[in-house]
Amino acid sequence: MTTVQPGMSFADLERAYEGLADAIDRAGEAQALFLTKLALLLAERQGDLPLFAQALADALQDLSPPPAKTD
């Protein structure tokens, strides 16, 4: 995982997290579409494809598999 470059304070990062969590809740069943749109908008505004590709790889790290269904 790459290190985060300075630019956002911890407090701002916390506010970003809260805003993201709220937006995901508001998206309801369209959460995947919302997250895809958000990622592409941020990638376009950032303008650095290799950095975006690294962020994708970083985001995939340490994901826990969903719990198995028990019926």
Protein backbone atom coordinates (compact mmCIF):
# COMPACT_ATOMS: atom_id res chain seq x y z
CA MET A 1 0.00 0.00 0.00
CA THR A 2 1.32 3.44 -0.82
CA THR A 3 1.51 6.19 1.75
CA VAL A 4 -1.00 9.01 1.59
CA GLN A 5 0.49 12.30 0.50
CA PRO A 6 -0.01 15.25 2.85
CA GLY A 7 -2.90 17.47 1.96
CA MET A 8 -5.85 16.54 4.11
CA SER A 9 -5.80 16.84 7.86
CA PHE A 10 -7.11 14.00 10.00
CA ALA A 11 -10.15 16.11 10.91
CA ASP A 12 -10.87 16.78 7.23
CA LEU A 13 -10.43 13.09 6.46
CA GLU A 14 -12.95 12.28 9.20
CA ARG A 15 -15.42 14.76 7.67
CA ALA A 16 -14.84 13.22 4.24
CA TYR A 17 -15.54 9.77 5.71
CA GLU A 18 -18.75 10.97 7.32
CA GLY A 19 -19.88 12.63 4.08
CA LEU A 20 -19.10 9.48 2.11
CA ALA A 21 -20.94 7.26 4.58
CA ASP A 22 -23.98 9.54 4.40
CA ALA A 23 -23.91 9.61 0.60
CA ILE A 24 -23.63 5.81 0.42
CA ASP A 25 -26.67 5.52 2.70
CA ARG A 26 -28.60 8.00 0.55
CA ALA A 27 -27.70 6.09 -2.63
CA GLY A 28 -29.59 3.09 -1.26
CA GLU A 29 -29.67 0.18 -3.71
CA ALA A 30 -27.61 2.22 -6.20
CA GLN A 31 -24.52 2.15 -3.94
CA ALA A 32 -22.31 0.41 -6.52
CA LEU A 33 -23.30 2.87 -9.24
CA PHE A 34 -22.74 5.82 -6.90
CA LEU A 35 -19.28 4.59 -5.88
CA THR A 36 -18.33 3.99 -9.52
CA LYS A 37 -19.46 7.49 -10.51
CA LEU A 38 -17.64 9.02 -7.56
CA ALA A 39 -14.40 7.17 -8.35
CA LEU A 40 -14.50 8.21 -12.00
CA LEU A 41 -15.26 11.84 -11.15
CA LEU A 42 -12.37 11.94 -8.69
CA ALA A 43 -10.04 10.23 -11.19
CA GLU A 44 -10.94 12.77 -13.86
CA ARG A 45 -10.37 15.69 -11.50
CA GLN A 46 -7.09 14.24 -10.23
CA GLY A 47 -5.90 13.60 -13.79
CA ASP A 48 -3.24 10.94 -13.07
CA LEU A 49 -4.07 7.45 -14.37
CA PRO A 50 -1.12 5.68 -12.70
CA LEU A 51 -2.04 7.25 -9.35
CA PHE A 52 -5.67 6.16 -9.84
CA ALA A 53 -4.54 2.61 -10.70
CA GLN A 54 -2.43 2.52 -7.53
CA ALA A 55 -5.40 3.78 -5.48
CA LEU A 56 -7.52 0.95 -6.92
CA ALA A 57 -4.87 -1.57 -5.90
CA ASP A 58 -4.55 -0.02 -2.45
CA ALA A 59 -8.33 -0.08 -1.93
CA LEU A 60 -8.43 -3.81 -2.75
CA GLN A 61 -5.89 -4.62 -0.03
CA ASP A 62 -7.09 -6.23 3.19
CA LEU A 63 -10.73 -6.63 2.15
CA SER A 64 -12.43 -9.24 4.27
CA PRO A 65 -14.62 -11.70 2.39
CA PRO A 66 -18.31 -11.44 3.20
CA PRO A 67 -19.53 -13.92 5.80
CA ALA A 68 -20.84 -17.19 4.40
CA LYS A 69 -24.60 -17.52 4.21
CA THR A 70 -26.12 -20.00 6.62
CA ASP A 71 -29.58 -21.20 5.81
